Amino acid sequence: MAFAGALGAPGLFLISFLDSSILTFPVINDLLLIELSMRRPTRMPLYASMATLGSLLGCVLLFLLARKIEEAAFHQKVGARAAAIRHWVERNGFGGMLLAAMLPPPTPFKFFVLAAGVFEVPLASFASAIGLARVIRYFGVGYLAVRYGANAMPYLMAHKLEVTLLLIGFVALSYAVSL
């Protein structure tokens, strides 16, 4: 985190890309976004954009890799949750990916990305859902960092039920509009 923080926006891009693709850095990109946005509030849109772009490209890479693996490998990797995740992805498409991408850690989001690739969700629909969810998440976190400073993450954690319900409402509205 210190290395990525010293790089600023490119470091945030790198951490977000790696977290969304081949490695896992739970909550580090959010914390780094908060720290950088508190240090330089006028650059928050740049930081949120880099986190969004890095995460989106990382998800697309993982999605494309998942297209290369077979369903059996997916079931082996995911285990008991495989059938439920497959059903969710096939049934809910864009709205399902949007909701899964907005759920807070420790949601096993990479399983949803893998499922979208394995079960051939259209790339444009997948990328649109991930992009929209990440814009909402990272610009929201950046805004809270600028507005509440060091209290941003404790605020989110203290109000996670309200934030989650608000996000679910937004996803439902977005899904209804997309239909």
N, C-alpha and C. Protein backbone atom coordinates (compact mmCIF):
# COMPACT_ATOMS: atom_id res chain seq x y z
N MET A 1 0.83 -1.19 0.00
CA MET A 1 0.00 0.00 0.00
C MET A 1 0.88 1.25 0.00
N ALA A 2 2.00 1.21 0.74
CA ALA A 2 2.91 2.36 0.79
C ALA A 2 3.49 2.62 -0.60
N PHE A 3 3.87 1.56 -1.30
CA PHE A 3 4.43 1.70 -2.64
C PHE A 3 3.39 2.29 -3.59
N ALA A 4 2.19 1.74 -3.58
CA ALA A 4 1.13 2.22 -4.47
C ALA A 4 0.73 3.64 -4.10
N GLY A 5 0.69 3.95 -2.80
CA GLY A 5 0.35 5.30 -2.36
C GLY A 5 1.37 6.33 -2.83
N ALA A 6 2.64 5.94 -2.85
CA ALA A 6 3.69 6.85 -3.31
C ALA A 6 3.56 7.14 -4.80
N LEU A 7 2.98 6.20 -5.55
CA LEU A 7 2.78 6.39 -6.98
C LEU A 7 1.56 7.26 -7.29
N GLY A 8 0.66 7.41 -6.32
CA GLY A 8 -0.54 8.22 -6.53
C GLY A 8 -1.56 7.51 -7.41
N ALA A 9 -2.08 8.22 -8.40
CA ALA A 9 -3.12 7.68 -9.28
C ALA A 9 -2.67 6.41 -10.01
N PRO A 10 -1.44 6.36 -10.57
CA PRO A 10 -1.02 5.11 -11.22
C PRO A 10 -0.95 3.93 -10.24
N GLY A 11 -0.55 4.19 -9.01
CA GLY A 11 -0.51 3.13 -8.01
C GLY A 11 -1.89 2.62 -7.67
N LEU A 12 -2.85 3.53 -7.59
CA LEU A 12 -4.23 3.14 -7.33
C LEU A 12 -4.78 2.31 -8.49
N PHE A 13 -4.45 2.72 -9.71
CA PHE A 13 -4.84 1.94 -10.90
C PHE A 13 -4.28 0.53 -10.80
N LEU A 14 -2.99 0.41 -10.48
CA LEU A 14 -2.32 -0.89 -10.41
C LEU A 14 -2.95 -1.79 -9.34
N ILE A 15 -3.15 -1.25 -8.14
CA ILE A 15 -3.76 -2.03 -7.05
C ILE A 15 -5.17 -2.47 -7.44
N SER A 16 -5.94 -1.58 -8.03
CA SER A 16 -7.32 -1.92 -8.43
C SER A 16 -7.32 -2.99 -9.52
N PHE A 17 -6.41 -2.87 -10.48
CA PHE A 17 -6.31 -3.85 -11.56
C PHE A 17 -5.95 -5.23 -10.99
N LEU A 18 -4.92 -5.28 -10.17
CA LEU A 18 -4.48 -6.55 -9.61
C LEU A 18 -5.55 -7.16 -8.71
N ASP A 19 -6.19 -6.33 -7.90
CA ASP A 19 -7.23 -6.82 -6.99
C ASP A 19 -8.40 -7.42 -7.76
N SER A 20 -8.74 -6.86 -8.89
CA SER A 20 -9.89 -7.33 -9.67
C SER A 20 -9.54 -8.46 -10.62
N SER A 21 -8.26 -8.74 -10.79
CA SER A 21 -7.89 -9.79 -11.73
C SER A 21 -7.27 -10.99 -11.01
N ILE A 22 -5.96 -11.01 -10.90
CA ILE A 22 -5.29 -12.24 -10.48
C ILE A 22 -4.93 -12.30 -9.00
N LEU A 23 -4.86 -11.19 -8.32
CA LEU A 23 -4.51 -11.17 -6.90
C LEU A 23 -5.69 -10.65 -6.09
N THR A 24 -5.57 -10.71 -4.78
CA THR A 24 -6.62 -10.16 -3.93
C THR A 24 -6.00 -9.25 -2.88
N PHE A 25 -6.48 -8.02 -2.85
CA PHE A 25 -6.09 -7.03 -1.85
C PHE A 25 -7.36 -6.49 -1.23
N PRO A 26 -7.98 -7.23 -0.31
CA PRO A 26 -9.28 -6.80 0.22
C PRO A 26 -9.22 -5.41 0.85
N VAL A 27 -10.04 -4.54 0.39
CA VAL A 27 -10.28 -3.19 0.92
C VAL A 27 -9.10 -2.24 0.71
N ILE A 28 -7.95 -2.72 0.24
CA ILE A 28 -6.79 -1.84 0.11
C ILE A 28 -7.04 -0.72 -0.89
N ASN A 29 -7.68 -1.03 -2.02
CA ASN A 29 -7.93 0.04 -2.99
C ASN A 29 -8.88 1.09 -2.43
N ASP A 30 -9.85 0.69 -1.62
CA ASP A 30 -10.74 1.67 -0.98
C ASP A 30 -9.96 2.55 0.01
N LEU A 31 -9.14 1.90 0.82
CA LEU A 31 -8.35 2.65 1.80
C LEU A 31 -7.37 3.60 1.12
N LEU A 32 -6.74 3.14 0.05
CA LEU A 32 -5.81 3.98 -0.69
C LEU A 32 -6.54 5.15 -1.34
N LEU A 33 -7.71 4.89 -1.90
CA LEU A 33 -8.52 5.96 -2.48
C LEU A 33 -8.88 6.99 -1.42
N ILE A 34 -9.26 6.54 -0.24
CA ILE A 34 -9.59 7.46 0.86
C ILE A 34 -8.37 8.28 1.25
N GLU A 35 -7.25 7.61 1.44
CA GLU A 35 -6.03 8.32 1.85
C GLU A 35 -5.60 9.37 0.82
N LEU A 36 -5.55 8.97 -0.45
CA LEU A 36 -5.14 9.91 -1.50
C LEU A 36 -6.12 11.07 -1.64
N SER A 37 -7.42 10.77 -1.55
CA SER A 37 -8.43 11.82 -1.69
C SER A 37 -8.40 12.80 -0.52
N MET A 38 -8.06 12.30 0.68
CA MET A 38 -7.96 13.19 1.84
C MET A 38 -6.74 14.10 1.69
N ARG A 39 -5.65 13.55 1.15
CA ARG A 39 -4.43 14.36 0.97
C ARG A 39 -4.62 15.45 -0.08
N ARG A 40 -5.30 15.09 -1.17
CA ARG A 40 -5.51 16.03 -2.28
C ARG A 40 -6.95 15.94 -2.75
N PRO A 41 -7.85 16.63 -2.06
CA PRO A 41 -9.28 16.55 -2.39
C PRO A 41 -9.62 16.92 -3.83
N THR A 42 -8.88 17.85 -4.42
CA THR A 42 -9.20 18.26 -5.79
C THR A 42 -8.88 17.17 -6.80
N ARG A 43 -8.06 16.20 -6.41
CA ARG A 43 -7.71 15.09 -7.32
C ARG A 43 -8.60 13.86 -7.12
N MET A 44 -9.58 13.95 -6.24
CA MET A 44 -10.45 12.81 -5.99
C MET A 44 -11.05 12.25 -7.27
N PRO A 45 -11.57 13.07 -8.20
CA PRO A 45 -12.11 12.49 -9.44
C PRO A 45 -11.08 11.69 -10.23
N LEU A 46 -9.82 12.15 -10.24
CA LEU A 46 -8.76 11.39 -10.92
C LEU A 46 -8.53 10.06 -10.22
N TYR A 47 -8.45 10.08 -8.89
CA TYR A 47 -8.21 8.85 -8.14
C TYR A 47 -9.36 7.87 -8.31
N ALA A 48 -10.59 8.36 -8.23
CA ALA A 48 -11.76 7.49 -8.40
C ALA A 48 -11.80 6.92 -9.82
N SER A 49 -11.43 7.73 -10.80
CA SER A 49 -11.39 7.26 -12.19
C SER A 49 -10.34 6.17 -12.38
N MET A 50 -9.17 6.34 -11.77
CA MET A 50 -8.11 5.34 -11.89
C MET A 50 -8.50 4.04 -11.20
N ALA A 51 -9.14 4.13 -10.04
CA ALA A 51 -9.61 2.93 -9.35
C ALA A 51 -10.67 2.22 -10.19
N THR A 52 -11.58 3.00 -10.78
CA THR A 52 -12.64 2.44 -11.61
C THR A 52 -12.05 1.75 -12.84
N LEU A 53 -11.18 2.45 -13.54
CA LEU A 53 -10.59 1.90 -14.76
C LEU A 53 -9.75 0.66 -14.46
N GLY A 54 -8.93 0.72 -13.42
CA GLY A 54 -8.12 -0.44 -13.05
C GLY A 54 -8.97 -1.64 -12.71
N SER A 55 -10.02 -1.42 -11.93
CA SER A 55 -10.90 -2.50 -11.53
C SER A 55 -11.65 -3.07 -12.74
N LEU A 56 -12.15 -2.20 -13.59
CA LEU A 56 -12.87 -2.65 -14.78
C LEU A 56 -11.97 -3.49 -15.68
N LEU A 57 -10.77 -3.01 -15.95
CA LEU A 57 -9.85 -3.76 -16.82
C LEU A 57 -9.42 -5.08 -16.17
N GLY A 58 -9.22 -5.08 -14.86
CA GLY A 58 -8.90 -6.31 -14.16
C GLY A 58 -10.03 -7.32 -14.25
N CYS A 59 -11.26 -6.86 -14.08
CA CYS A 59 -12.42 -7.74 -14.20
C CYS A 59 -12.56 -8.30 -15.61
N VAL A 60 -12.32 -7.45 -16.61
CA VAL A 60 -12.41 -7.90 -18.00
C VAL A 60 -11.34 -8.97 -18.27
N LEU A 61 -10.13 -8.77 -17.76
CA LEU A 61 -9.08 -9.77 -17.93
C LEU A 61 -9.51 -11.10 -17.31
N LEU A 62 -10.00 -11.06 -16.08
CA LEU A 62 -10.44 -12.29 -15.41
C LEU A 62 -11.61 -12.92 -16.16
N PHE A 63 -12.52 -12.10 -16.66
CA PHE A 63 -13.66 -12.57 -17.45
C PHE A 63 -13.18 -13.31 -18.70
N LEU A 64 -12.21 -12.72 -19.40
CA LEU A 64 -11.69 -13.34 -20.63
C LEU A 64 -10.93 -14.63 -20.32
N LEU A 65 -10.20 -14.65 -19.22
CA LEU A 65 -9.53 -15.89 -18.81
C LEU A 65 -10.55 -16.97 -18.47
N ALA A 66 -11.64 -16.56 -17.83
CA ALA A 66 -12.69 -17.52 -17.46
C ALA A 66 -13.36 -18.12 -18.69
N ARG A 67 -13.42 -17.37 -19.77
CA ARG A 67 -14.01 -17.90 -21.00
C ARG A 67 -13.20 -19.09 -21.52
N LYS A 68 -11.93 -19.12 -21.15
CA LYS A 68 -11.05 -20.20 -21.61
C LYS A 68 -11.18 -21.46 -20.77
N ILE A 69 -11.67 -21.33 -19.54
CA ILE A 69 -11.81 -22.53 -18.72
C ILE A 69 -13.18 -23.14 -18.94
N GLU A 70 -13.32 -24.36 -18.59
CA GLU A 70 -14.59 -25.04 -18.79
C GLU A 70 -15.43 -24.99 -17.53
N GLU A 71 -16.68 -25.33 -17.70
CA GLU A 71 -17.61 -25.31 -16.57
C GLU A 71 -17.17 -26.22 -15.44
N ALA A 72 -16.59 -27.35 -15.76
CA ALA A 72 -16.14 -28.28 -14.72
C ALA A 72 -15.08 -27.64 -13.85
N ALA A 73 -14.16 -26.91 -14.45
CA ALA A 73 -13.12 -26.23 -13.68
C ALA A 73 -13.74 -25.16 -12.78
N PHE A 74 -14.77 -24.49 -13.29
CA PHE A 74 -15.47 -23.49 -12.48
C PHE A 74 -16.08 -24.15 -11.24
N HIS A 75 -16.77 -25.27 -11.44
CA HIS A 75 -17.40 -25.97 -10.31
C HIS A 75 -16.35 -26.44 -9.30
N GLN A 76 -15.21 -26.88 -9.81
CA GLN A 76 -14.14 -27.33 -8.91
C GLN A 76 -13.58 -26.17 -8.11
N LYS A 77 -13.39 -25.02 -8.74
CA LYS A 77 -12.81 -23.84 -8.07
C LYS A 77 -13.77 -23.24 -7.05
N VAL A 78 -15.04 -23.13 -7.41
CA VAL A 78 -16.02 -22.43 -6.58
C VAL A 78 -16.63 -23.34 -5.52
N GLY A 79 -16.77 -24.61 -5.83
CA GLY A 79 -17.30 -25.54 -4.84
C GLY A 79 -18.81 -25.53 -4.74
N ALA A 80 -19.30 -25.60 -3.52
CA ALA A 80 -20.73 -25.75 -3.27
C ALA A 80 -21.56 -24.57 -3.76
N ARG A 81 -20.96 -23.40 -3.87
CA ARG A 81 -21.71 -22.22 -4.32
C ARG A 81 -21.87 -22.12 -5.83
N ALA A 82 -21.26 -23.03 -6.58
CA ALA A 82 -21.24 -22.94 -8.05
C ALA A 82 -22.63 -22.90 -8.67
N ALA A 83 -23.50 -23.80 -8.25
CA ALA A 83 -24.84 -23.85 -8.85
C ALA A 83 -25.62 -22.57 -8.58
N ALA A 84 -25.54 -22.08 -7.36
CA ALA A 84 -26.27 -20.85 -7.01
C ALA A 84 -25.72 -19.65 -7.80
N ILE A 85 -24.42 -19.56 -7.94
CA ILE A 85 -23.82 -18.45 -8.68
C ILE A 85 -24.18 -18.54 -10.15
N ARG A 86 -24.13 -19.76 -10.72
CA ARG A 86 -24.51 -19.93 -12.12
C ARG A 86 -25.96 -19.48 -12.34
N HIS A 87 -26.85 -19.94 -11.48
CA HIS A 87 -28.26 -19.56 -11.60
C HIS A 87 -28.43 -18.04 -11.51
N TRP A 88 -27.73 -17.43 -10.57
CA TRP A 88 -27.81 -15.98 -10.38
C TRP A 88 -27.35 -15.25 -11.65
N VAL A 89 -26.22 -15.66 -12.22
CA VAL A 89 -25.65 -14.99 -13.39
C VAL A 89 -26.56 -15.17 -14.60
N GLU A 90 -27.04 -16.39 -14.83
CA GLU A 90 -27.88 -16.65 -15.99
C GLU A 90 -29.25 -15.97 -15.87
N ARG A 91 -29.77 -15.90 -14.67
CA ARG A 91 -31.10 -15.34 -14.47
C ARG A 91 -31.12 -13.81 -14.46
N ASN A 92 -30.06 -13.21 -13.91
CA ASN A 92 -30.09 -11.78 -13.66
C ASN A 92 -29.23 -10.93 -14.59
N GLY A 93 -28.33 -11.51 -15.34
CA GLY A 93 -27.53 -10.78 -16.32
C GLY A 93 -26.94 -9.48 -15.81
N PHE A 94 -27.25 -8.39 -16.51
CA PHE A 94 -26.71 -7.07 -16.19
C PHE A 94 -26.99 -6.66 -14.75
N GLY A 95 -28.23 -6.77 -14.33
CA GLY A 95 -28.60 -6.37 -12.97
C GLY A 95 -27.90 -7.20 -11.92
N GLY A 96 -27.75 -8.48 -12.18
CA GLY A 96 -27.06 -9.36 -11.25
C GLY A 96 -25.59 -9.01 -11.11
N MET A 97 -24.94 -8.72 -12.23
CA MET A 97 -23.53 -8.34 -12.19
C MET A 97 -23.37 -6.98 -11.51
N LEU A 98 -24.30 -6.07 -11.78
CA LEU A 98 -24.25 -4.75 -11.16
C LEU A 98 -24.35 -4.88 -9.64
N LEU A 99 -25.29 -5.67 -9.19
CA LEU A 99 -25.47 -5.85 -7.75
C LEU A 99 -24.26 -6.55 -7.13
N ALA A 100 -23.78 -7.61 -7.76
CA ALA A 100 -22.63 -8.35 -7.23
C ALA A 100 -21.40 -7.45 -7.14
N ALA A 101 -21.22 -6.57 -8.13
CA ALA A 101 -20.05 -5.68 -8.15
C ALA A 101 -20.14 -4.59 -7.09
N MET A 102 -21.33 -4.31 -6.61
CA MET A 102 -21.49 -3.25 -5.62
C MET A 102 -21.51 -3.77 -4.19
N LEU A 103 -21.61 -5.06 -4.01
CA LEU A 103 -21.65 -5.61 -2.65
C LEU A 103 -20.30 -5.41 -1.98
N PRO A 104 -20.31 -5.11 -0.69
CA PRO A 104 -19.04 -4.84 0.00
C PRO A 104 -18.28 -6.12 0.30
N PRO A 105 -16.97 -5.99 0.55
CA PRO A 105 -16.19 -7.15 0.98
C PRO A 105 -16.80 -7.69 2.27
N PRO A 106 -16.76 -8.94 2.51
CA PRO A 106 -16.01 -10.02 1.88
C PRO A 106 -16.80 -10.80 0.84
N THR A 107 -17.70 -10.19 0.10
CA THR A 107 -18.44 -10.87 -0.96
C THR A 107 -17.44 -11.50 -1.93
N PRO A 108 -17.64 -12.77 -2.28
CA PRO A 108 -16.70 -13.43 -3.21
C PRO A 108 -16.96 -13.00 -4.65
N PHE A 109 -16.70 -11.74 -4.95
CA PHE A 109 -17.04 -11.16 -6.24
C PHE A 109 -16.35 -11.84 -7.41
N LYS A 110 -15.12 -12.29 -7.23
CA LYS A 110 -14.40 -12.92 -8.34
C LYS A 110 -15.12 -14.16 -8.86
N PHE A 111 -15.87 -14.84 -8.00
CA PHE A 111 -16.63 -15.99 -8.45
C PHE A 111 -17.70 -15.58 -9.46
N PHE A 112 -18.29 -14.41 -9.24
CA PHE A 112 -19.30 -13.91 -10.17
C PHE A 112 -18.67 -13.53 -11.51
N VAL A 113 -17.47 -12.96 -11.46
CA VAL A 113 -16.75 -12.62 -12.68
C VAL A 113 -16.41 -13.88 -13.45
N LEU A 114 -15.90 -14.88 -12.75
CA LEU A 114 -15.58 -16.16 -13.39
C LEU A 114 -16.84 -16.78 -14.01
N ALA A 115 -17.94 -16.74 -13.25
CA ALA A 115 -19.19 -17.32 -13.76
C ALA A 115 -19.67 -16.58 -15.01
N ALA A 116 -19.55 -15.28 -15.02
CA ALA A 116 -19.97 -14.50 -16.19
C ALA A 116 -19.17 -14.90 -17.42
N GLY A 117 -17.88 -15.14 -17.25
CA GLY A 117 -17.05 -15.58 -18.38
C GLY A 117 -17.36 -16.99 -18.81
N VAL A 118 -17.47 -17.90 -17.84
CA VAL A 118 -17.72 -19.31 -18.15
C VAL A 118 -19.08 -19.49 -18.82
N PHE A 119 -20.10 -18.78 -18.34
CA PHE A 119 -21.45 -18.96 -18.84
C PHE A 119 -21.81 -17.95 -19.93
N GLU A 120 -20.79 -17.33 -20.49
CA GLU A 120 -20.88 -16.51 -21.70
C GLU A 120 -21.86 -15.35 -21.63
N VAL A 121 -21.79 -14.61 -20.54
CA VAL A 121 -22.51 -13.34 -20.47
C VAL A 121 -21.88 -12.44 -21.54
N PRO A 122 -22.66 -11.69 -22.31
CA PRO A 122 -22.06 -10.81 -23.32
C PRO A 122 -21.07 -9.82 -22.70
N LEU A 123 -19.91 -9.66 -23.33
CA LEU A 123 -18.86 -8.81 -22.78
C LEU A 123 -19.34 -7.38 -22.58
N ALA A 124 -20.10 -6.83 -23.52
CA ALA A 124 -20.57 -5.44 -23.40
C ALA A 124 -21.48 -5.28 -22.17
N SER A 125 -22.37 -6.23 -21.96
CA SER A 125 -23.27 -6.17 -20.81
C SER A 125 -22.47 -6.30 -19.51
N PHE A 126 -21.53 -7.24 -19.49
CA PHE A 126 -20.68 -7.44 -18.32
C PHE A 126 -19.89 -6.18 -18.00
N ALA A 127 -19.20 -5.64 -19.00
CA ALA A 127 -18.36 -4.45 -18.78
C ALA A 127 -19.19 -3.24 -18.37
N SER A 128 -20.38 -3.10 -18.94
CA SER A 128 -21.26 -1.98 -18.57
C SER A 128 -21.67 -2.06 -17.11
N ALA A 129 -22.06 -3.25 -16.68
CA ALA A 129 -22.48 -3.44 -15.29
C ALA A 129 -21.32 -3.18 -14.33
N ILE A 130 -20.15 -3.72 -14.63
CA ILE A 130 -18.99 -3.54 -13.76
C ILE A 130 -18.59 -2.07 -13.74
N GLY A 131 -18.54 -1.45 -14.92
CA GLY A 131 -18.17 -0.04 -15.00
C GLY A 131 -19.09 0.85 -14.18
N LEU A 132 -20.39 0.67 -14.33
CA LEU A 132 -21.36 1.47 -13.58
C LEU A 132 -21.22 1.24 -12.08
N ALA A 133 -21.09 -0.02 -11.69
CA ALA A 133 -20.96 -0.33 -10.26
C ALA A 133 -19.69 0.28 -9.68
N ARG A 134 -18.60 0.20 -10.41
CA ARG A 134 -17.34 0.74 -9.91
C ARG A 134 -17.34 2.27 -9.86
N VAL A 135 -17.98 2.90 -10.83
CA VAL A 135 -18.11 4.37 -10.79
C VAL A 135 -18.86 4.78 -9.53
N ILE A 136 -19.98 4.11 -9.27
CA ILE A 136 -20.77 4.43 -8.08
C ILE A 136 -19.96 4.18 -6.82
N ARG A 137 -19.31 3.04 -6.75
CA ARG A 137 -18.54 2.70 -5.56
C ARG A 137 -17.38 3.65 -5.32
N TYR A 138 -16.52 3.81 -6.30
CA TYR A 138 -15.30 4.58 -6.07
C TYR A 138 -15.54 6.08 -5.99
N PHE A 139 -16.47 6.61 -6.77
CA PHE A 139 -16.78 8.03 -6.63
C PHE A 139 -17.51 8.29 -5.32
N GLY A 140 -18.33 7.33 -4.88
CA GLY A 140 -18.98 7.45 -3.58
C GLY A 140 -17.99 7.42 -2.44
N VAL A 141 -17.06 6.50 -2.48
CA VAL A 141 -16.02 6.43 -1.44
C VAL A 141 -15.15 7.68 -1.47
N GLY A 142 -14.80 8.13 -2.67
CA GLY A 142 -13.99 9.35 -2.80
C GLY A 142 -14.71 10.57 -2.24
N TYR A 143 -15.99 10.67 -2.55
CA TYR A 143 -16.79 11.78 -2.02
C TYR A 143 -16.81 11.74 -0.49
N LEU A 144 -17.05 10.56 0.06
CA LEU A 144 -17.08 10.43 1.52
C LEU A 144 -15.72 10.75 2.14
N ALA A 145 -14.64 10.39 1.45
CA ALA A 145 -13.30 10.69 1.96
C ALA A 145 -13.07 12.20 2.01
N VAL A 146 -13.50 12.90 0.98
CA VAL A 146 -13.32 14.36 0.94
C VAL A 146 -14.24 15.00 1.98
N ARG A 147 -15.46 14.51 2.08
CA ARG A 147 -16.44 15.11 3.00
C ARG A 147 -16.16 14.79 4.47
N TYR A 148 -15.83 13.52 4.76
CA TYR A 148 -15.70 13.08 6.15
C TYR A 148 -14.26 12.81 6.59
N GLY A 149 -13.32 12.89 5.66
CA GLY A 149 -11.92 12.69 6.01
C GLY A 149 -11.65 11.30 6.56
N ALA A 150 -10.90 11.24 7.63
CA ALA A 150 -10.49 9.96 8.22
C ALA A 150 -11.68 9.16 8.75
N ASN A 151 -12.82 9.80 8.92
CA ASN A 151 -14.00 9.10 9.42
C ASN A 151 -14.81 8.44 8.30
N ALA A 152 -14.34 8.51 7.05
CA ALA A 152 -15.10 7.97 5.92
C ALA A 152 -15.31 6.46 6.04
N MET A 153 -14.24 5.70 6.24
CA MET A 153 -14.38 4.24 6.32
C MET A 153 -15.17 3.83 7.56
N PRO A 154 -14.90 4.39 8.75
CA PRO A 154 -15.75 4.05 9.90
C PRO A 154 -17.22 4.41 9.65
N TYR A 155 -17.47 5.51 8.94
CA TYR A 155 -18.84 5.89 8.61
C TYR A 155 -19.50 4.82 7.75
N LEU A 156 -18.78 4.37 6.71
CA LEU A 156 -19.32 3.33 5.84
C LEU A 156 -19.60 2.04 6.62
N MET A 157 -18.67 1.67 7.49
CA MET A 157 -18.83 0.44 8.25
C MET A 157 -19.99 0.56 9.26
N ALA A 158 -20.15 1.73 9.85
CA ALA A 158 -21.22 1.93 10.83
C ALA A 158 -22.59 1.97 10.16
N HIS A 159 -22.64 2.36 8.90
CA HIS A 159 -23.92 2.50 8.19
C HIS A 159 -24.02 1.54 7.01
N LYS A 160 -23.35 0.38 7.10
CA LYS A 160 -23.32 -0.52 5.95
C LYS A 160 -24.69 -1.04 5.57
N LEU A 161 -25.59 -1.23 6.50
CA LEU A 161 -26.93 -1.69 6.16
C LEU A 161 -27.66 -0.63 5.33
N GLU A 162 -27.61 0.62 5.78
CA GLU A 162 -28.27 1.69 5.04
C GLU A 162 -27.65 1.89 3.66
N VAL A 163 -26.32 1.85 3.61
CA VAL A 163 -25.62 2.01 2.33
C VAL A 163 -25.97 0.86 1.40
N THR A 164 -25.97 -0.36 1.92
CA THR A 164 -26.31 -1.53 1.11
C THR A 164 -27.74 -1.44 0.59
N LEU A 165 -28.68 -1.06 1.45
CA LEU A 165 -30.08 -0.92 1.01
C LEU A 165 -30.23 0.17 -0.05
N LEU A 166 -29.52 1.27 0.13
CA LEU A 166 -29.54 2.34 -0.87
C LEU A 166 -28.99 1.84 -2.20
N LEU A 167 -27.89 1.10 -2.16
CA LEU A 167 -27.30 0.57 -3.39
C LEU A 167 -28.21 -0.46 -4.05
N ILE A 168 -28.85 -1.30 -3.26
CA ILE A 168 -29.78 -2.28 -3.82
C ILE A 168 -30.96 -1.56 -4.48
N GLY A 169 -31.45 -0.52 -3.84
CA GLY A 169 -32.52 0.28 -4.45
C GLY A 169 -32.10 0.90 -5.76
N PHE A 170 -30.88 1.41 -5.80
CA PHE A 170 -30.36 1.99 -7.04
C PHE A 170 -30.23 0.93 -8.12
N VAL A 171 -29.73 -0.25 -7.75
CA VAL A 171 -29.58 -1.34 -8.72
C VAL A 171 -30.95 -1.75 -9.25
N ALA A 172 -31.93 -1.88 -8.37
CA ALA A 172 -33.27 -2.25 -8.80
C ALA A 172 -33.84 -1.22 -9.77
N LEU A 173 -33.63 0.04 -9.46
CA LEU A 173 -34.10 1.10 -10.36
C LEU A 173 -33.37 1.04 -11.70
N SER A 174 -32.05 0.86 -11.68
CA SER A 174 -31.27 0.76 -12.91
C SER A 174 -31.71 -0.43 -13.74
N TYR A 175 -31.97 -1.55 -13.07
CA TYR A 175 -32.40 -2.76 -13.76
C TYR A 175 -33.77 -2.53 -14.41
N ALA A 176 -34.68 -1.90 -13.69
CA ALA A 176 -36.01 -1.63 -14.25
C ALA A 176 -35.93 -0.72 -15.46
N VAL A 177 -35.06 0.28 -15.39
CA VAL A 177 -34.88 1.19 -16.52
C VAL A 177 -34.27 0.44 -17.70
N SER A 178 -33.34 -0.48 -17.44
CA SER A 178 -32.69 -1.21 -18.53
C SER A 178 -33.66 -2.16 -19.25
N LEU A 179 -34.69 -2.62 -18.53
CA LEU A 179 -35.68 -3.51 -19.17
C LEU A 179 -36.50 -2.72 -20.17
